[in-house]
Amino acid sequence: EVRYAHGGHQFACAAGVMIIIYSAISFASLYTLSGHLLPASCVVWAADDLSLFSTGSGGTVCAWDLVDMLRIEEASQLNHASPNQALAASLPRRGTNTPPNVAFVVVASTDGTLRAVSWDTVTGEGARTRDLQMIMDIPPSSMFTALAISSSAKYLFGGTSAGTICVFACPVTSSGDWEHLAEFSLHSSDV
């Protein structure tokens, strides 16, 4: 997968077990991030283009600080065999220490499960992962193929393999349930 930064000045490419960041102007390789044990397949830039999130066939979710070139966090899914195929992230703006200070990542795996990974960016409290419960009627053969969190971090949008776009309230409830707001059947195949 290739994903451009919001500013358009760089793009990230998932290449095997590495994430390579290139200049969009000169196409020169700028950084190589390594940390996945199995191939990475999804990358998402934070809104400020200073952080990057990645996941892949190993089920691990990595968060990268592109200023200090460090892996911020890693949430490993050692007991989960299905690869992740879609990723969405919300990260507090850098330099703000007012609540909420929680980075929130949602991943969709090929078995149809949605997982939330979150961690506190101020206290450094480690990543917490939990399966999310869907309170809606999605056919069992349908799975999420695309995810996006709104810039306000109040909504999660999910596209399915059946061509449906679903809208959920963010964040999830304390019990792990999504509040399903709307569903639109717009496409005849994958979104």
N, C-alpha and C. Protein backbone atom coordinates (compact mmCIF):
# COMPACT_ATOMS: atom_id res chain seq x y z
N GLU A 1 0.84 -1.18 0.00
CA GLU A 1 0.00 0.00 0.00
C GLU A 1 0.89 1.24 0.00
N VAL A 2 0.45 2.25 -0.71
CA VAL A 2 1.12 3.55 -0.73
C VAL A 2 0.12 4.58 -0.24
N ARG A 3 0.56 5.44 0.69
CA ARG A 3 -0.34 6.45 1.24
C ARG A 3 0.41 7.77 1.34
N TYR A 4 -0.16 8.82 0.74
CA TYR A 4 0.44 10.16 0.80
C TYR A 4 0.15 10.82 2.14
N ALA A 5 1.11 11.63 2.60
CA ALA A 5 0.92 12.46 3.79
C ALA A 5 -0.16 13.49 3.46
N HIS A 6 -0.82 14.02 4.48
CA HIS A 6 -1.89 15.00 4.26
C HIS A 6 -1.36 16.25 3.55
N GLY A 7 -0.11 16.61 3.81
CA GLY A 7 0.50 17.77 3.16
C GLY A 7 0.98 17.49 1.75
N GLY A 8 1.00 16.23 1.34
CA GLY A 8 1.39 15.85 -0.01
C GLY A 8 2.89 15.85 -0.25
N HIS A 9 3.70 16.17 0.74
CA HIS A 9 5.14 16.28 0.57
C HIS A 9 5.89 14.95 0.67
N GLN A 10 5.26 13.95 1.26
CA GLN A 10 5.87 12.64 1.42
C GLN A 10 4.82 11.56 1.18
N PHE A 11 5.30 10.35 0.90
CA PHE A 11 4.39 9.21 0.87
C PHE A 11 5.08 8.02 1.51
N ALA A 12 4.26 7.16 2.11
CA ALA A 12 4.76 5.95 2.78
C ALA A 12 4.35 4.74 1.97
N CYS A 13 5.23 3.79 1.91
CA CYS A 13 4.99 2.57 1.14
C CYS A 13 5.25 1.37 2.04
N ALA A 14 4.28 0.48 2.14
CA ALA A 14 4.47 -0.78 2.86
C ALA A 14 5.19 -1.72 1.90
N ALA A 15 6.43 -2.07 2.26
CA ALA A 15 7.27 -2.91 1.39
C ALA A 15 7.81 -4.08 2.20
N GLY A 16 7.12 -5.19 2.15
CA GLY A 16 7.53 -6.34 2.94
C GLY A 16 7.36 -6.04 4.42
N VAL A 17 8.41 -6.26 5.21
CA VAL A 17 8.33 -6.01 6.66
C VAL A 17 8.73 -4.58 7.01
N MET A 18 8.98 -3.75 6.02
CA MET A 18 9.41 -2.37 6.26
C MET A 18 8.38 -1.37 5.73
N ILE A 19 8.44 -0.17 6.30
CA ILE A 19 7.71 0.97 5.79
C ILE A 19 8.76 1.94 5.29
N ILE A 20 8.68 2.33 4.02
CA ILE A 20 9.65 3.25 3.45
C ILE A 20 8.94 4.57 3.15
N ILE A 21 9.53 5.66 3.60
CA ILE A 21 8.97 6.99 3.38
C ILE A 21 9.81 7.70 2.33
N TYR A 22 9.12 8.21 1.30
CA TYR A 22 9.77 8.88 0.18
C TYR A 22 9.36 10.34 0.11
N SER A 23 10.22 11.14 -0.48
CA SER A 23 9.88 12.52 -0.81
C SER A 23 8.98 12.49 -2.04
N ALA A 24 7.87 13.22 -2.00
CA ALA A 24 6.97 13.26 -3.16
C ALA A 24 7.51 14.20 -4.23
N ILE A 25 8.52 14.98 -3.91
CA ILE A 25 9.10 15.92 -4.87
C ILE A 25 10.26 15.29 -5.62
N SER A 26 11.21 14.70 -4.88
CA SER A 26 12.40 14.13 -5.52
C SER A 26 12.32 12.61 -5.67
N PHE A 27 11.35 11.98 -5.03
CA PHE A 27 11.19 10.52 -4.99
C PHE A 27 12.36 9.82 -4.31
N ALA A 28 13.16 10.58 -3.55
CA ALA A 28 14.27 10.01 -2.80
C ALA A 28 13.72 9.30 -1.56
N SER A 29 14.35 8.19 -1.21
CA SER A 29 13.99 7.48 0.01
C SER A 29 14.50 8.29 1.20
N LEU A 30 13.60 8.64 2.14
CA LEU A 30 13.96 9.47 3.28
C LEU A 30 14.21 8.65 4.54
N TYR A 31 13.31 7.70 4.82
CA TYR A 31 13.40 6.91 6.04
C TYR A 31 12.95 5.49 5.75
N THR A 32 13.51 4.56 6.50
CA THR A 32 13.06 3.18 6.46
C THR A 32 12.74 2.77 7.89
N LEU A 33 11.51 2.35 8.10
CA LEU A 33 11.04 1.94 9.43
C LEU A 33 10.89 0.43 9.43
N SER A 34 11.53 -0.22 10.38
CA SER A 34 11.40 -1.68 10.45
C SER A 34 10.93 -2.06 11.84
N GLY A 35 10.08 -3.05 11.90
CA GLY A 35 9.52 -3.48 13.18
C GLY A 35 8.47 -4.56 13.02
N HIS A 36 7.99 -4.77 11.81
CA HIS A 36 7.01 -5.83 11.57
C HIS A 36 7.75 -7.14 11.33
N LEU A 37 7.19 -8.22 11.86
CA LEU A 37 7.80 -9.54 11.65
C LEU A 37 7.27 -10.20 10.38
N LEU A 38 6.04 -9.86 10.00
CA LEU A 38 5.44 -10.33 8.75
C LEU A 38 5.09 -9.11 7.91
N PRO A 39 4.85 -9.26 6.62
CA PRO A 39 4.64 -8.10 5.75
C PRO A 39 3.57 -7.12 6.23
N ALA A 40 3.90 -5.85 6.13
CA ALA A 40 2.96 -4.77 6.43
C ALA A 40 2.08 -4.57 5.21
N SER A 41 0.80 -4.21 5.45
CA SER A 41 -0.10 -4.03 4.31
C SER A 41 -0.88 -2.73 4.36
N CYS A 42 -0.95 -2.09 5.50
CA CYS A 42 -1.72 -0.85 5.64
C CYS A 42 -0.89 0.20 6.37
N VAL A 43 -0.93 1.42 5.86
CA VAL A 43 -0.29 2.56 6.52
C VAL A 43 -1.27 3.72 6.55
N VAL A 44 -1.23 4.49 7.64
CA VAL A 44 -2.09 5.67 7.79
C VAL A 44 -1.27 6.77 8.45
N TRP A 45 -1.34 7.98 7.90
CA TRP A 45 -0.66 9.14 8.48
C TRP A 45 -1.54 9.78 9.55
N ALA A 46 -0.93 10.29 10.62
CA ALA A 46 -1.66 11.10 11.58
C ALA A 46 -2.00 12.43 10.91
N ALA A 47 -2.97 13.14 11.44
CA ALA A 47 -3.43 14.39 10.82
C ALA A 47 -2.33 15.42 10.69
N ASP A 48 -1.36 15.42 11.61
CA ASP A 48 -0.27 16.41 11.55
C ASP A 48 0.93 15.94 10.74
N ASP A 49 0.87 14.76 10.14
CA ASP A 49 1.94 14.18 9.32
C ASP A 49 3.23 13.93 10.10
N LEU A 50 3.16 13.94 11.43
CA LEU A 50 4.35 13.72 12.25
C LEU A 50 4.39 12.32 12.85
N SER A 51 3.34 11.55 12.61
CA SER A 51 3.27 10.16 13.08
C SER A 51 2.66 9.32 11.97
N LEU A 52 2.96 8.03 12.04
CA LEU A 52 2.47 7.09 11.04
C LEU A 52 2.06 5.82 11.78
N PHE A 53 1.03 5.15 11.29
CA PHE A 53 0.57 3.88 11.86
C PHE A 53 0.64 2.82 10.78
N SER A 54 0.96 1.59 11.17
CA SER A 54 1.03 0.51 10.19
C SER A 54 0.55 -0.79 10.82
N THR A 55 0.05 -1.67 9.97
CA THR A 55 -0.36 -3.01 10.38
C THR A 55 -0.22 -3.92 9.18
N GLY A 56 -0.40 -5.21 9.41
CA GLY A 56 -0.24 -6.13 8.29
C GLY A 56 -0.64 -7.54 8.62
N SER A 57 -0.03 -8.47 7.89
CA SER A 57 -0.44 -9.86 7.98
C SER A 57 -0.08 -10.52 9.31
N GLY A 58 0.80 -9.91 10.09
CA GLY A 58 1.13 -10.46 11.40
C GLY A 58 0.16 -10.04 12.48
N GLY A 59 -0.71 -9.08 12.18
CA GLY A 59 -1.68 -8.59 13.16
C GLY A 59 -1.13 -7.53 14.09
N THR A 60 0.15 -7.22 14.01
CA THR A 60 0.76 -6.21 14.87
C THR A 60 0.42 -4.81 14.35
N VAL A 61 0.11 -3.91 15.29
CA VAL A 61 -0.11 -2.50 14.95
C VAL A 61 1.07 -1.71 15.50
N CYS A 62 1.72 -0.93 14.65
CA CYS A 62 2.86 -0.11 15.07
C CYS A 62 2.51 1.35 14.89
N ALA A 63 2.97 2.18 15.85
CA ALA A 63 2.85 3.63 15.75
C ALA A 63 4.27 4.18 15.70
N TRP A 64 4.51 5.09 14.75
CA TRP A 64 5.86 5.62 14.51
C TRP A 64 5.88 7.13 14.72
N ASP A 65 6.89 7.63 15.44
CA ASP A 65 7.14 9.06 15.59
C ASP A 65 8.13 9.45 14.50
N LEU A 66 7.70 10.27 13.55
CA LEU A 66 8.55 10.61 12.41
C LEU A 66 9.48 11.79 12.70
N VAL A 67 9.33 12.44 13.84
CA VAL A 67 10.25 13.51 14.23
C VAL A 67 11.52 12.88 14.81
N ASP A 68 11.33 11.96 15.76
CA ASP A 68 12.46 11.31 16.41
C ASP A 68 12.83 9.97 15.77
N MET A 69 12.07 9.56 14.76
CA MET A 69 12.28 8.30 14.05
C MET A 69 12.30 7.10 15.00
N LEU A 70 11.29 7.06 15.88
CA LEU A 70 11.15 5.98 16.84
C LEU A 70 9.80 5.31 16.72
N ARG A 71 9.76 4.06 17.09
CA ARG A 71 8.47 3.38 17.20
C ARG A 71 7.87 3.82 18.53
N ILE A 72 6.70 4.48 18.49
CA ILE A 72 6.04 4.98 19.69
C ILE A 72 5.46 3.81 20.47
N GLU A 73 4.78 2.95 19.77
CA GLU A 73 4.04 1.87 20.43
C GLU A 73 3.90 0.71 19.48
N GLU A 74 3.75 -0.46 20.07
CA GLU A 74 3.48 -1.67 19.29
C GLU A 74 2.44 -2.47 20.04
N ALA A 75 1.40 -2.87 19.34
CA ALA A 75 0.38 -3.74 19.92
C ALA A 75 0.40 -5.04 19.14
N SER A 76 0.92 -6.06 19.76
CA SER A 76 1.09 -7.34 19.11
C SER A 76 -0.16 -8.19 19.29
N GLN A 77 -0.50 -8.94 18.27
CA GLN A 77 -1.67 -9.82 18.29
C GLN A 77 -1.20 -11.26 18.20
N LEU A 78 -0.36 -11.68 19.12
CA LEU A 78 0.25 -13.01 19.04
C LEU A 78 -0.76 -14.15 19.08
N ASN A 79 -1.91 -13.93 19.73
CA ASN A 79 -2.91 -14.98 19.82
C ASN A 79 -3.97 -14.87 18.73
N HIS A 80 -3.75 -14.01 17.76
CA HIS A 80 -4.73 -13.78 16.71
C HIS A 80 -4.10 -14.09 15.36
N ALA A 81 -4.67 -15.03 14.63
CA ALA A 81 -4.04 -15.51 13.42
C ALA A 81 -4.45 -14.77 12.15
N SER A 82 -5.54 -14.02 12.17
CA SER A 82 -6.01 -13.37 10.94
C SER A 82 -5.26 -12.07 10.68
N PRO A 83 -4.81 -11.87 9.43
CA PRO A 83 -4.11 -10.63 9.11
C PRO A 83 -5.06 -9.43 9.12
N ASN A 84 -4.51 -8.26 9.39
CA ASN A 84 -5.30 -7.02 9.33
C ASN A 84 -5.29 -6.49 7.91
N GLN A 85 -6.44 -5.94 7.49
CA GLN A 85 -6.53 -5.45 6.12
C GLN A 85 -7.00 -4.01 6.01
N ALA A 86 -7.39 -3.40 7.11
CA ALA A 86 -7.79 -1.99 7.08
C ALA A 86 -7.41 -1.36 8.40
N LEU A 87 -7.12 -0.05 8.36
CA LEU A 87 -6.59 0.65 9.52
C LEU A 87 -7.08 2.08 9.52
N ALA A 88 -7.46 2.59 10.68
CA ALA A 88 -7.81 4.01 10.85
C ALA A 88 -7.25 4.46 12.18
N ALA A 89 -6.83 5.72 12.27
CA ALA A 89 -6.18 6.19 13.50
C ALA A 89 -6.57 7.62 13.82
N SER A 90 -6.57 7.91 15.11
CA SER A 90 -6.78 9.27 15.61
C SER A 90 -5.74 9.51 16.70
N LEU A 91 -4.96 10.56 16.56
CA LEU A 91 -3.89 10.86 17.50
C LEU A 91 -4.02 12.31 17.94
N PRO A 92 -3.91 12.57 19.26
CA PRO A 92 -3.99 13.97 19.70
C PRO A 92 -2.90 14.81 19.06
N ARG A 93 -3.18 16.09 18.85
CA ARG A 93 -2.19 16.99 18.26
C ARG A 93 -0.95 17.05 19.14
N ARG A 94 0.20 17.05 18.52
CA ARG A 94 1.48 17.09 19.23
C ARG A 94 1.57 18.37 20.06
N GLY A 95 2.05 18.23 21.30
CA GLY A 95 2.25 19.38 22.16
C GLY A 95 1.05 19.78 23.00
N THR A 96 -0.08 19.08 22.85
CA THR A 96 -1.24 19.38 23.68
C THR A 96 -1.34 18.34 24.78
N ASN A 97 -1.41 18.81 26.00
CA ASN A 97 -1.51 17.90 27.14
C ASN A 97 -2.87 17.98 27.81
N THR A 98 -3.87 18.46 27.08
CA THR A 98 -5.21 18.53 27.63
C THR A 98 -5.97 17.29 27.20
N PRO A 99 -6.80 16.73 28.10
CA PRO A 99 -7.54 15.51 27.77
C PRO A 99 -8.44 15.72 26.56
N PRO A 100 -8.74 14.73 25.77
CA PRO A 100 -8.20 13.38 25.91
C PRO A 100 -6.82 13.27 25.26
N ASN A 101 -5.94 12.55 25.90
CA ASN A 101 -4.59 12.34 25.39
C ASN A 101 -4.43 10.93 24.85
N VAL A 102 -5.51 10.35 24.41
CA VAL A 102 -5.50 8.95 24.01
C VAL A 102 -5.40 8.83 22.49
N ALA A 103 -4.40 8.09 22.06
CA ALA A 103 -4.30 7.71 20.65
C ALA A 103 -5.22 6.51 20.47
N PHE A 104 -5.94 6.51 19.37
CA PHE A 104 -6.96 5.49 19.14
C PHE A 104 -6.80 4.95 17.73
N VAL A 105 -6.61 3.65 17.62
CA VAL A 105 -6.43 3.00 16.32
C VAL A 105 -7.46 1.88 16.21
N VAL A 106 -8.10 1.77 15.06
CA VAL A 106 -9.05 0.68 14.80
C VAL A 106 -8.51 -0.11 13.62
N VAL A 107 -8.48 -1.43 13.77
CA VAL A 107 -8.04 -2.30 12.68
C VAL A 107 -9.13 -3.32 12.38
N ALA A 108 -9.22 -3.69 11.12
CA ALA A 108 -10.17 -4.72 10.68
C ALA A 108 -9.36 -5.89 10.15
N SER A 109 -9.68 -7.08 10.65
CA SER A 109 -8.95 -8.26 10.18
C SER A 109 -9.78 -9.03 9.16
N THR A 110 -9.13 -9.96 8.50
CA THR A 110 -9.80 -10.72 7.45
C THR A 110 -10.87 -11.66 7.98
N ASP A 111 -10.91 -11.89 9.29
CA ASP A 111 -11.97 -12.73 9.85
C ASP A 111 -13.21 -11.90 10.22
N GLY A 112 -13.20 -10.61 9.88
CA GLY A 112 -14.35 -9.74 10.13
C GLY A 112 -14.33 -9.04 11.47
N THR A 113 -13.31 -9.28 12.29
CA THR A 113 -13.23 -8.67 13.61
C THR A 113 -12.67 -7.26 13.54
N LEU A 114 -13.28 -6.36 14.31
CA LEU A 114 -12.73 -5.01 14.49
C LEU A 114 -12.07 -4.99 15.86
N ARG A 115 -10.87 -4.40 15.93
CA ARG A 115 -10.15 -4.28 17.19
C ARG A 115 -9.76 -2.84 17.40
N ALA A 116 -9.86 -2.39 18.64
CA ALA A 116 -9.42 -1.05 19.02
C ALA A 116 -8.13 -1.17 19.80
N VAL A 117 -7.15 -0.35 19.45
CA VAL A 117 -5.90 -0.28 20.17
C VAL A 117 -5.79 1.17 20.65
N SER A 118 -5.52 1.37 21.95
CA SER A 118 -5.42 2.73 22.47
C SER A 118 -4.29 2.81 23.48
N TRP A 119 -3.69 4.01 23.60
CA TRP A 119 -2.68 4.26 24.62
C TRP A 119 -2.67 5.74 24.93
N ASP A 120 -2.21 6.06 26.15
CA ASP A 120 -2.16 7.44 26.61
C ASP A 120 -0.85 8.06 26.14
N THR A 121 -0.92 9.17 25.41
CA THR A 121 0.27 9.77 24.83
C THR A 121 1.04 10.64 25.82
N VAL A 122 0.45 10.99 26.96
CA VAL A 122 1.13 11.81 27.96
C VAL A 122 1.78 10.94 29.03
N THR A 123 1.01 10.02 29.60
CA THR A 123 1.55 9.18 30.68
C THR A 123 2.39 8.03 30.13
N GLY A 124 2.22 7.72 28.84
CA GLY A 124 2.96 6.61 28.27
C GLY A 124 2.38 5.26 28.63
N GLU A 125 1.17 5.26 29.21
CA GLU A 125 0.52 3.99 29.55
C GLU A 125 0.45 3.14 28.30
N GLY A 126 0.86 1.88 28.43
CA GLY A 126 0.97 0.98 27.29
C GLY A 126 -0.32 0.73 26.54
N ALA A 127 -0.16 0.12 25.39
CA ALA A 127 -1.28 -0.15 24.50
C ALA A 127 -2.25 -1.15 25.12
N ARG A 128 -3.53 -0.86 24.94
CA ARG A 128 -4.60 -1.77 25.34
C ARG A 128 -5.36 -2.17 24.07
N THR A 129 -5.62 -3.44 23.92
CA THR A 129 -6.30 -3.94 22.74
C THR A 129 -7.57 -4.65 23.17
N ARG A 130 -8.66 -4.43 22.41
CA ARG A 130 -9.89 -5.16 22.70
C ARG A 130 -10.69 -5.34 21.42
N ASP A 131 -11.39 -6.47 21.37
CA ASP A 131 -12.30 -6.72 20.26
C ASP A 131 -13.53 -5.84 20.45
N LEU A 132 -14.08 -5.37 19.35
CA LEU A 132 -15.25 -4.50 19.40
C LEU A 132 -16.48 -5.27 18.94
N GLN A 133 -17.57 -4.99 19.60
CA GLN A 133 -18.82 -5.67 19.29
C GLN A 133 -19.62 -4.84 18.29
N MET A 134 -20.09 -5.48 17.25
CA MET A 134 -20.90 -4.81 16.23
C MET A 134 -22.37 -5.02 16.55
N ILE A 135 -23.11 -3.92 16.69
CA ILE A 135 -24.54 -4.02 16.94
C ILE A 135 -25.24 -3.61 15.65
N MET A 136 -25.19 -4.48 14.68
CA MET A 136 -25.81 -4.21 13.38
C MET A 136 -25.86 -5.51 12.59
N ASP A 137 -26.54 -5.46 11.48
CA ASP A 137 -26.69 -6.65 10.65
C ASP A 137 -25.80 -6.57 9.42
N ILE A 138 -24.57 -7.06 9.55
CA ILE A 138 -23.68 -7.20 8.40
C ILE A 138 -23.63 -8.68 8.09
N PRO A 139 -23.83 -9.07 6.84
CA PRO A 139 -23.79 -10.50 6.51
C PRO A 139 -22.48 -11.12 6.96
N PRO A 140 -22.51 -12.36 7.45
CA PRO A 140 -21.29 -13.01 7.94
C PRO A 140 -20.18 -13.07 6.90
N SER A 141 -20.54 -13.13 5.63
CA SER A 141 -19.52 -13.21 4.58
C SER A 141 -18.93 -11.85 4.26
N SER A 142 -19.49 -10.79 4.80
CA SER A 142 -19.02 -9.43 4.54
C SER A 142 -18.01 -9.03 5.61
N MET A 143 -16.97 -8.30 5.20
CA MET A 143 -15.98 -7.82 6.16
C MET A 143 -15.61 -6.38 5.83
N PHE A 144 -15.01 -5.70 6.79
CA PHE A 144 -14.59 -4.32 6.56
C PHE A 144 -13.33 -4.30 5.72
N THR A 145 -13.35 -3.54 4.64
CA THR A 145 -12.21 -3.45 3.74
C THR A 145 -11.57 -2.06 3.77
N ALA A 146 -12.25 -1.09 4.37
CA ALA A 146 -11.71 0.28 4.48
C ALA A 146 -12.25 0.92 5.76
N LEU A 147 -11.40 1.68 6.44
CA LEU A 147 -11.80 2.37 7.66
C LEU A 147 -11.27 3.80 7.63
N ALA A 148 -12.01 4.71 8.26
CA ALA A 148 -11.55 6.10 8.40
C ALA A 148 -12.20 6.69 9.64
N ILE A 149 -11.43 7.48 10.39
CA ILE A 149 -11.95 8.21 11.53
C ILE A 149 -12.03 9.67 11.13
N SER A 150 -13.15 10.33 11.45
CA SER A 150 -13.33 11.73 11.09
C SER A 150 -12.27 12.59 11.78
N SER A 151 -12.00 13.78 11.24
CA SER A 151 -10.98 14.66 11.81
C SER A 151 -11.35 15.10 13.22
N SER A 152 -12.64 15.10 13.55
CA SER A 152 -13.06 15.45 14.90
C SER A 152 -12.97 14.26 15.86
N ALA A 153 -12.65 13.08 15.33
CA ALA A 153 -12.57 11.82 16.09
C ALA A 153 -13.91 11.45 16.71
N LYS A 154 -15.02 11.91 16.14
CA LYS A 154 -16.34 11.58 16.67
C LYS A 154 -17.03 10.47 15.89
N TYR A 155 -16.51 10.15 14.69
CA TYR A 155 -17.17 9.15 13.85
C TYR A 155 -16.14 8.20 13.24
N LEU A 156 -16.54 6.95 13.13
CA LEU A 156 -15.77 5.96 12.40
C LEU A 156 -16.59 5.56 11.18
N PHE A 157 -15.98 5.57 10.01
CA PHE A 157 -16.62 5.15 8.78
C PHE A 157 -15.98 3.84 8.35
N GLY A 158 -16.80 2.87 7.99
CA GLY A 158 -16.29 1.58 7.54
C GLY A 158 -16.93 1.16 6.24
N GLY A 159 -16.10 0.78 5.29
CA GLY A 159 -16.58 0.24 4.02
C GLY A 159 -16.47 -1.27 4.06
N THR A 160 -17.46 -1.97 3.53
CA THR A 160 -17.46 -3.43 3.60
C THR A 160 -17.26 -4.06 2.23
N SER A 161 -17.01 -5.36 2.25
CA SER A 161 -16.84 -6.10 1.00
C SER A 161 -18.16 -6.26 0.26
N ALA A 162 -19.27 -5.96 0.92
CA ALA A 162 -20.59 -6.02 0.27
C ALA A 162 -20.99 -4.67 -0.34
N GLY A 163 -20.13 -3.66 -0.24
CA GLY A 163 -20.42 -2.36 -0.83
C GLY A 163 -21.16 -1.40 0.09
N THR A 164 -21.24 -1.73 1.36
CA THR A 164 -21.96 -0.90 2.32
C THR A 164 -21.00 0.03 3.05
N ILE A 165 -21.44 1.25 3.32
CA ILE A 165 -20.69 2.18 4.15
C ILE A 165 -21.45 2.34 5.46
N CYS A 166 -20.76 2.11 6.57
CA CYS A 166 -21.36 2.17 7.90
C CYS A 166 -20.75 3.34 8.66
N VAL A 167 -21.57 4.00 9.48
CA VAL A 167 -21.12 5.12 10.30
C VAL A 167 -21.37 4.76 11.76
N PHE A 168 -20.33 4.93 12.59
CA PHE A 168 -20.40 4.62 14.02
C PHE A 168 -19.98 5.84 14.82
N ALA A 169 -20.49 5.94 16.04
CA ALA A 169 -20.05 6.99 16.95
C ALA A 169 -18.72 6.58 17.57
N CYS A 170 -17.84 7.54 17.76
CA CYS A 170 -16.56 7.32 18.44
C CYS A 170 -16.53 8.17 19.69
N PRO A 171 -15.89 7.77 20.73
CA PRO A 171 -15.27 6.45 20.88
C PRO A 171 -16.31 5.40 21.22
N VAL A 172 -15.86 4.17 21.30
CA VAL A 172 -16.77 3.08 21.65
C VAL A 172 -17.17 3.21 23.10
N THR A 173 -18.25 2.54 23.48
CA THR A 173 -18.69 2.57 24.87
C THR A 173 -17.71 1.77 25.73
N SER A 174 -17.80 1.93 27.02
CA SER A 174 -16.89 1.23 27.93
C SER A 174 -17.02 -0.29 27.83
N SER A 175 -18.17 -0.77 27.36
CA SER A 175 -18.36 -2.22 27.19
C SER A 175 -17.80 -2.73 25.87
N GLY A 176 -17.31 -1.81 25.02
CA GLY A 176 -16.75 -2.21 23.74
C GLY A 176 -17.78 -2.25 22.62
N ASP A 177 -18.97 -1.70 22.85
CA ASP A 177 -20.01 -1.68 21.82
C ASP A 177 -19.90 -0.41 20.98
N TRP A 178 -20.16 -0.56 19.70
CA TRP A 178 -20.23 0.60 18.79
C TRP A 178 -21.66 1.09 18.77
N GLU A 179 -21.83 2.41 18.73
CA GLU A 179 -23.16 2.95 18.49
C GLU A 179 -23.28 3.14 16.98
N HIS A 180 -24.10 2.29 16.38
CA HIS A 180 -24.28 2.29 14.92
C HIS A 180 -25.24 3.41 14.55
N LEU A 181 -24.76 4.40 13.80
CA LEU A 181 -25.57 5.57 13.46
C LEU A 181 -26.28 5.45 12.12
N ALA A 182 -25.60 4.93 11.13
CA ALA A 182 -26.20 4.86 9.79
C ALA A 182 -25.50 3.80 8.96
N GLU A 183 -26.20 3.38 7.91
CA GLU A 183 -25.66 2.40 6.98
C GLU A 183 -26.18 2.72 5.59
N PHE A 184 -25.29 2.72 4.61
CA PHE A 184 -25.66 3.06 3.24
C PHE A 184 -25.17 1.99 2.29
N SER A 185 -26.06 1.40 1.52
CA SER A 185 -25.67 0.43 0.48
C SER A 185 -25.46 1.20 -0.80
N LEU A 186 -24.19 1.44 -1.15
CA LEU A 186 -23.89 2.32 -2.27
C LEU A 186 -23.15 1.64 -3.42
N HIS A 187 -22.48 0.55 -3.13
CA HIS A 187 -21.64 -0.10 -4.15
C HIS A 187 -22.06 -1.55 -4.31
N SER A 188 -21.67 -2.15 -5.43
CA SER A 188 -22.02 -3.54 -5.67
C SER A 188 -20.91 -4.50 -5.24
N SER A 189 -19.75 -3.95 -4.87
CA SER A 189 -18.64 -4.79 -4.39
C SER A 189 -17.81 -3.99 -3.39
N ASP A 190 -16.59 -4.43 -3.13
CA ASP A 190 -15.73 -3.83 -2.10
C ASP A 190 -15.68 -2.31 -2.18
N VAL A 191 -15.69 -1.70 -0.98
CA VAL A 191 -15.48 -0.25 -0.89
C VAL A 191 -14.01 -0.01 -0.72
